[in-house]
Structure formats: C-alpha cells, structure tokens
Amino acid sequence: GARESWTADQLSQQILRIRNARPTAVNLAWGVDRVQPFAVQGRDEVLTQAHQIVVEDTVANRKLSELGADWILQRTGASKLRVLTHCNTGALATTGWGTALGVIRELHERGALDVVYVDETRPLLQGARLTAWELEREGIDYRVQADGAAASTILRGLVDFAIIGADRIARNGDSANKIGSVGVALACQAAGIPFMVAAPSSTVDLDTASGEEIEIELRDGAEVTQLAGVNIAPMGAQGFNPAFDVTPAKYISAIVTEKCVVEPKDSPDVSALVNGVNK
C-alpha cells in the first residue's frame, strides 16, 4: 500500500507530524522518539516496541498507584477517604490501569475510599463521560459535579484530598494538566488539604525548567460555544479554549511517579521522579 511506498523524507514528515500533535503533553513526543529508531526495520518492529511501552507503562502505573496511596494514607489519617479528581486519568487515558485514577483504584482495593467527586471537565467532559464510566464499572461510589462546584466542595470540608494527572511536569515541579486543575490546587491550598499529582516518569520533562516554558495548546473555540454541535452562545461569540493550565509547584503537596514521591516545597528540582534517587 501507500505506506510501504513512502520515502525516508515522507516518513520523517509523518513522524514529526505525530510528534508535534500535542504541544503541551510530553508523553506523545517521548513515545515517538523511543519508537522512531525502529521505523527503518519495518512495521512489525515498531509494533513490538509500542507493545513494550504498553507493558512498561502498566507496571509503572501500578507502582505509582501503590506509592501514591501509601503517601495519602500516611498524611490524611482518615479511614475512609473522600477524594476529588479532574479530567480522566484511568485505563482509557493510559494503558489499562491509570495514574491519578489508578491511585483512587488502589485506595478502593484497600477499602480506604468513601466517595469520589468527579469534575465534569468542560468543554469536552472527560470527567463526566470517561472517569464516571470507569468508576461505575469499578463499583466505586462517585458524584459528577460542575467544574465550578469544585472549590466550594473542597472549602465546605467535603473532600480529604484532591488528585490529578499531568501532561508535562517541569524540572521545578510545575505541572501542566487539563484546564481547571490549578483552581482545584488553589482551593486545596486554602482548605489545607493535600493536592497530589500522579504521572509516570515519562511525563517529567527535565529539559523544561519551569511551567513558564510549557506551551499551552489552544483548541477550537467552538468547543466552548457549542455543545454536541449546537450553539449555546450567541452566533457571533468567540470561544477562548486553552486545553491546559499550569499548577505552580508551590501549590502541589506531592508528585508521585513509579520511582518515588517528591514534595516540591522541599525539593526545587524533581529529578528524583525520573532517576529514583530521593532524599
């Protein structure tokens, strides 16, 4: 087929197109860079390498879920935890287990979970459509809420901790995640409860010094002004639709990868999240 007839230049162009498709998230580029050297060996070798990434990511997710659950239980002291999460970080977003949702699943397996407050995650509703579906399948008690309710839910004392995933973590601990995440972090700071970021070590970008260097993807404004293709704003309304925001490290209680847990306030460099050497 046409795929086999690509020249080396054409193949390189397609690889670059995929690599640059999500400018905020680092994992896609990381995966492409890892597999690219095997492209010259053919499709089967590329698939072999991709499947190996799947296996490694699943193992990493299970390990970081255990470490994250341990940290949370040590810090909260609650026997039945009420948690808030934002966007989708489960099996649908990873390779079969999850990061932030993986920690939640681990707590559920340990009998330490009460209820999960799920932010709907406008405008694409990953929380309402995906996270809620995964929790339903797991038999985990949950409530879907409007994003605007998150801060109030936290400040009213209905949440013991909040946990999110990440699309890129800078060397200083600043973390990019789905738009709306930083508001959750600020509410947790005000309420005095832990705010955790959970991600595999491949999400940590040590070449990015801080969140100021992270490019924020701007998506089609129609995602905000329309719902299921129907206008919910005046026809002339222009949507502003940043897909991600950056939570400064000072508002993050802990970041967990499969290597270790780092508390950014005590560590201005989170390299341990990649190399596993934690003080």
Protein backbone atom coordinates (compact mmCIF):
# COMPACT_ATOMS: atom_id res chain seq x y z
CA GLY A 1 0.00 0.00 0.00
CA ALA A 2 0.88 3.68 0.12
CA ARG A 3 2.57 3.25 3.49
CA GLU A 4 5.30 1.00 2.05
CA SER A 5 5.96 3.47 -0.77
CA TRP A 6 6.88 6.38 1.50
CA THR A 7 10.33 7.80 1.03
CA ALA A 8 12.55 8.39 4.04
CA ASP A 9 11.68 12.09 3.90
CA GLN A 10 7.95 11.37 3.77
CA LEU A 11 8.23 9.02 6.72
CA SER A 12 10.15 11.63 8.70
CA GLN A 13 7.47 14.21 7.94
CA GLN A 14 4.72 11.92 9.20
CA ILE A 15 6.68 11.09 12.35
CA LEU A 16 7.21 14.80 13.02
CA ARG A 17 3.50 15.49 12.44
CA ILE A 18 2.54 12.95 15.10
CA ARG A 19 5.26 14.11 17.49
CA ASN A 20 4.04 17.71 17.37
CA ALA A 21 0.31 16.96 17.53
CA ARG A 22 0.02 17.75 21.26
CA PRO A 23 2.43 20.56 22.17
CA THR A 24 1.62 20.69 25.90
CA ALA A 25 1.88 16.96 26.60
CA VAL A 26 5.33 15.40 26.58
CA ASN A 27 4.42 11.70 26.55
CA LEU A 28 3.47 11.53 22.87
CA ALA A 29 6.78 13.02 21.79
CA TRP A 30 8.58 10.74 24.27
CA GLY A 31 6.90 7.67 22.79
CA VAL A 32 7.59 8.73 19.21
CA ASP A 33 11.26 9.39 20.00
CA ARG A 34 11.59 5.96 21.57
CA VAL A 35 9.99 4.10 18.66
CA GLN A 36 11.36 6.17 15.76
CA PRO A 37 14.78 4.44 15.56
CA PHE A 38 12.99 1.17 14.83
CA ALA A 39 10.90 2.55 11.96
CA VAL A 40 13.56 1.60 9.41
CA GLN A 41 13.13 -2.04 10.49
CA GLY A 42 9.50 -2.08 9.45
CA ARG A 43 6.02 -2.03 10.91
CA ASP A 44 6.34 -5.22 12.95
CA GLU A 45 9.32 -3.91 14.91
CA VAL A 46 7.54 -0.61 15.54
CA LEU A 47 4.55 -2.53 16.92
CA THR A 48 6.84 -4.66 19.08
CA GLN A 49 8.36 -1.56 20.63
CA ALA A 50 4.93 0.01 21.11
CA HIS A 51 3.66 -3.09 22.90
CA GLN A 52 6.72 -2.98 25.15
CA ILE A 53 5.85 0.59 26.10
CA VAL A 54 2.34 -0.59 26.98
CA VAL A 55 3.72 -3.28 29.30
CA GLU A 56 6.16 -0.89 30.98
CA ASP A 57 3.52 1.82 31.40
CA THR A 58 1.07 -0.57 33.03
CA VAL A 59 3.73 -1.69 35.50
CA ALA A 60 4.65 1.94 36.19
CA ASN A 61 1.02 2.88 36.77
CA ARG A 62 0.52 0.08 39.28
CA LYS A 63 3.68 1.03 41.17
CA LEU A 64 2.91 4.76 41.32
CA SER A 65 -0.62 3.92 42.48
CA GLU A 66 0.78 1.97 45.41
CA LEU A 67 3.25 4.72 46.32
CA GLY A 68 0.59 7.40 45.99
CA ALA A 69 -1.90 5.51 48.14
CA ASP A 70 0.76 4.95 50.81
CA TRP A 71 1.60 8.67 50.93
CA ILE A 72 -2.03 9.76 51.11
CA LEU A 73 -2.92 7.33 53.89
CA GLN A 74 0.10 8.43 55.91
CA ARG A 75 -0.77 12.13 55.52
CA THR A 76 -4.54 12.11 56.00
CA GLY A 77 -5.08 9.58 58.75
CA ALA A 78 -8.65 9.05 57.52
CA SER A 79 -10.02 5.52 57.38
CA LYS A 80 -12.45 6.32 54.55
CA LEU A 81 -11.26 8.99 52.16
CA ARG A 82 -13.30 11.47 50.16
CA VAL A 83 -11.39 12.48 47.04
CA LEU A 84 -11.82 14.96 44.20
CA THR A 85 -10.34 14.42 40.75
CA HIS A 86 -10.29 16.35 37.49
CA CYS A 87 -10.37 15.08 33.88
CA ASN A 88 -9.68 11.41 33.04
CA THR A 89 -6.57 9.59 34.18
CA GLY A 90 -7.74 5.98 34.15
CA ALA A 91 -7.45 2.97 31.89
CA LEU A 92 -8.92 4.93 28.98
CA ALA A 93 -6.18 7.56 29.22
CA THR A 94 -3.25 5.21 29.86
CA THR A 95 -2.62 1.56 29.08
CA GLY A 96 -5.09 -0.22 31.30
CA TRP A 97 -4.82 0.94 34.92
CA GLY A 98 -4.38 4.68 35.37
CA THR A 99 -2.38 7.36 37.18
CA ALA A 100 -4.48 9.59 39.44
CA LEU A 101 -7.43 7.27 38.90
CA GLY A 102 -5.03 4.38 39.48
CA VAL A 103 -4.29 5.75 42.95
CA ILE A 104 -8.03 6.01 43.55
CA ARG A 105 -8.50 2.41 42.40
CA GLU A 106 -5.69 1.31 44.74
CA LEU A 107 -7.35 3.05 47.68
CA HIS A 108 -10.63 1.37 46.77
CA GLU A 109 -8.94 -2.04 46.72
CA ARG A 110 -7.56 -1.33 50.19
CA GLY A 111 -11.03 -0.46 51.48
CA ALA A 112 -9.92 3.11 52.20
CA LEU A 113 -12.24 5.00 49.85
CA ASP A 114 -15.56 6.63 50.63
CA VAL A 115 -16.58 8.70 47.61
CA VAL A 116 -15.04 10.37 44.56
CA TYR A 117 -16.12 13.83 43.39
CA VAL A 118 -15.63 13.91 39.62
CA ASP A 119 -15.32 17.28 37.92
CA GLU A 120 -17.23 17.15 34.63
CA THR A 121 -14.20 18.75 32.91
CA ARG A 122 -15.59 21.20 30.39
CA PRO A 123 -15.62 21.62 27.50
CA LEU A 124 -15.09 18.02 26.35
CA LEU A 125 -16.45 16.44 29.55
CA GLN A 126 -13.75 13.82 30.06
CA GLY A 127 -14.77 13.55 33.71
CA ALA A 128 -18.47 13.07 33.10
CA ARG A 129 -18.05 10.85 30.04
CA LEU A 130 -14.93 8.82 30.85
CA THR A 131 -13.97 8.96 34.54
CA ALA A 132 -17.55 8.40 35.67
CA TRP A 133 -17.84 5.44 33.30
CA GLU A 134 -14.67 3.86 34.70
CA LEU A 135 -15.76 4.38 38.32
CA GLU A 136 -19.17 2.91 37.51
CA ARG A 137 -17.51 -0.23 36.15
CA GLU A 138 -15.31 -0.49 39.25
CA GLY A 139 -18.27 -0.16 41.61
CA ILE A 140 -16.75 2.95 43.21
CA ASP A 141 -19.15 5.49 44.70
CA TYR A 142 -18.88 8.83 42.89
CA ARG A 143 -20.60 12.14 42.22
CA VAL A 144 -20.26 14.11 38.98
CA GLN A 145 -20.17 17.85 39.59
CA ALA A 146 -19.80 21.01 37.54
CA ASP A 147 -16.24 22.30 37.40
CA GLY A 148 -17.43 25.48 39.08
CA ALA A 149 -18.53 23.46 42.12
CA ALA A 150 -15.06 22.07 42.85
CA ALA A 151 -13.74 24.91 45.00
CA SER A 152 -16.92 25.05 47.06
CA THR A 153 -16.93 21.28 47.58
CA ILE A 154 -13.36 21.49 48.87
CA LEU A 155 -13.87 24.56 51.07
CA ARG A 156 -17.02 23.09 52.62
CA GLY A 157 -14.90 20.25 54.03
CA LEU A 158 -16.38 17.55 51.82
CA VAL A 159 -13.01 16.43 50.45
CA ASP A 160 -9.97 14.94 52.21
CA PHE A 161 -7.59 15.32 49.28
CA ALA A 162 -7.53 16.00 45.54
CA ILE A 163 -5.52 14.18 42.92
CA ILE A 164 -4.92 14.84 39.23
CA GLY A 165 -2.69 13.56 36.46
CA ALA A 166 -0.25 15.57 34.37
CA ASP A 167 0.64 16.10 30.73
CA ARG A 168 4.06 17.61 31.45
CA ILE A 169 5.97 18.16 34.68
CA ALA A 170 8.81 20.69 34.60
CA ARG A 171 12.10 20.24 36.42
CA ASN A 172 10.99 22.54 39.24
CA GLY A 173 7.73 20.63 39.76
CA ASP A 174 5.36 22.97 37.91
CA SER A 175 2.74 20.69 36.34
CA ALA A 176 0.59 21.11 33.24
CA ASN A 177 -2.75 19.35 33.22
CA LYS A 178 -6.29 19.76 31.89
CA ILE A 179 -7.69 23.27 32.15
CA GLY A 180 -9.25 23.82 35.57
CA SER A 181 -6.58 21.94 37.51
CA VAL A 182 -4.90 25.00 39.01
CA GLY A 183 -8.19 26.15 40.50
CA VAL A 184 -8.51 22.84 42.32
CA ALA A 185 -4.96 23.26 43.65
CA LEU A 186 -5.69 26.76 44.94
CA ALA A 187 -8.83 25.57 46.71
CA CYS A 188 -6.88 22.74 48.36
CA GLN A 189 -4.25 25.24 49.48
CA ALA A 190 -6.95 27.42 51.05
CA ALA A 191 -8.60 24.42 52.72
CA GLY A 192 -5.33 22.96 53.99
CA ILE A 193 -5.76 19.56 52.35
CA PRO A 194 -3.28 17.63 50.16
CA PHE A 195 -3.17 18.16 46.42
CA MET A 196 -1.32 15.36 44.60
CA VAL A 197 -0.13 14.97 41.01
CA ALA A 198 0.28 11.40 39.73
CA ALA A 199 2.08 10.52 36.49
CA PRO A 200 4.67 8.10 35.09
CA SER A 201 8.27 9.25 34.97
CA SER A 202 7.94 9.71 31.19
CA THR A 203 5.77 12.77 31.94
CA VAL A 204 8.64 14.52 33.75
CA ASP A 205 10.47 16.79 31.31
CA LEU A 206 13.81 17.68 32.86
CA ASP A 207 14.65 19.81 29.81
CA THR A 208 11.84 22.20 30.77
CA ALA A 209 13.00 24.34 33.68
CA SER A 210 9.60 25.64 34.79
CA GLY A 211 5.98 25.96 33.81
CA GLU A 212 6.70 29.27 32.09
CA GLU A 213 8.34 27.27 29.29
CA ILE A 214 5.36 24.96 28.72
CA GLU A 215 3.37 25.75 25.59
CA ILE A 216 -0.37 25.74 26.23
CA GLU A 217 -2.41 24.18 23.44
CA LEU A 218 -5.28 26.36 22.23
CA ARG A 219 -8.16 24.36 20.81
CA ASP A 220 -11.11 25.33 18.62
CA GLY A 221 -13.24 27.94 20.37
CA ALA A 222 -16.38 26.20 19.10
CA GLU A 223 -15.82 23.52 21.75
CA VAL A 224 -16.76 26.19 24.29
CA THR A 225 -19.55 27.95 22.40
CA GLN A 226 -21.22 24.74 21.24
CA LEU A 227 -22.45 21.57 22.93
CA ALA A 228 -22.81 18.46 20.78
CA GLY A 229 -22.73 20.71 17.73
CA VAL A 230 -25.47 23.02 18.99
CA ASN A 231 -24.69 26.67 19.73
CA ILE A 232 -25.10 27.58 23.40
CA ALA A 233 -23.72 31.10 22.97
CA PRO A 234 -24.69 33.88 20.55
CA MET A 235 -23.77 33.13 16.95
CA GLY A 236 -21.09 35.82 16.99
CA ALA A 237 -19.43 34.66 20.22
CA GLN A 238 -15.74 33.82 20.01
CA GLY A 239 -14.61 31.00 22.26
CA PHE A 240 -11.34 31.08 24.22
CA ASN A 241 -10.28 27.49 24.73
CA PRO A 242 -6.89 26.75 26.34
CA ALA A 243 -6.81 22.99 26.79
CA PHE A 244 -4.40 23.01 29.72
CA ASP A 245 -3.16 25.12 32.61
CA VAL A 246 -0.04 25.01 34.76
CA THR A 247 -0.14 24.50 38.51
CA PRO A 248 2.92 26.06 40.19
CA ALA A 249 4.90 23.60 42.29
CA LYS A 250 4.28 25.66 45.45
CA TYR A 251 0.62 24.60 45.35
CA ILE A 252 1.39 20.88 44.93
CA SER A 253 1.69 18.78 48.09
CA ALA A 254 3.27 15.79 46.35
CA ILE A 255 4.11 14.41 42.93
CA VAL A 256 4.27 10.64 42.53
CA THR A 257 5.79 8.55 39.75
CA GLU A 258 6.70 4.87 39.74
CA LYS A 259 10.11 5.90 41.10
CA CYS A 260 9.17 7.79 44.25
CA VAL A 261 7.13 10.58 45.82
CA VAL A 262 8.55 14.11 45.87
CA GLU A 263 7.16 17.04 47.84
CA PRO A 264 8.01 20.06 45.64
CA LYS A 265 8.11 22.56 48.52
CA ASP A 266 11.10 20.65 49.89
CA SER A 267 12.72 19.95 46.52
CA PRO A 268 13.16 22.70 43.90
CA ASP A 269 14.42 20.02 41.48
CA VAL A 270 12.20 16.96 40.97
CA SER A 271 14.75 14.88 39.04
CA ALA A 272 14.23 12.10 41.58
CA LEU A 273 10.88 11.43 39.93
CA VAL A 274 12.86 10.12 36.96
CA ASN A 275 16.03 8.67 38.44
CA GLY A 276 14.50 7.37 41.66
CA VAL A 277 17.07 8.91 43.98
CA ASN A 278 15.02 10.72 46.61
CA LYS A 279 16.36 12.28 49.75
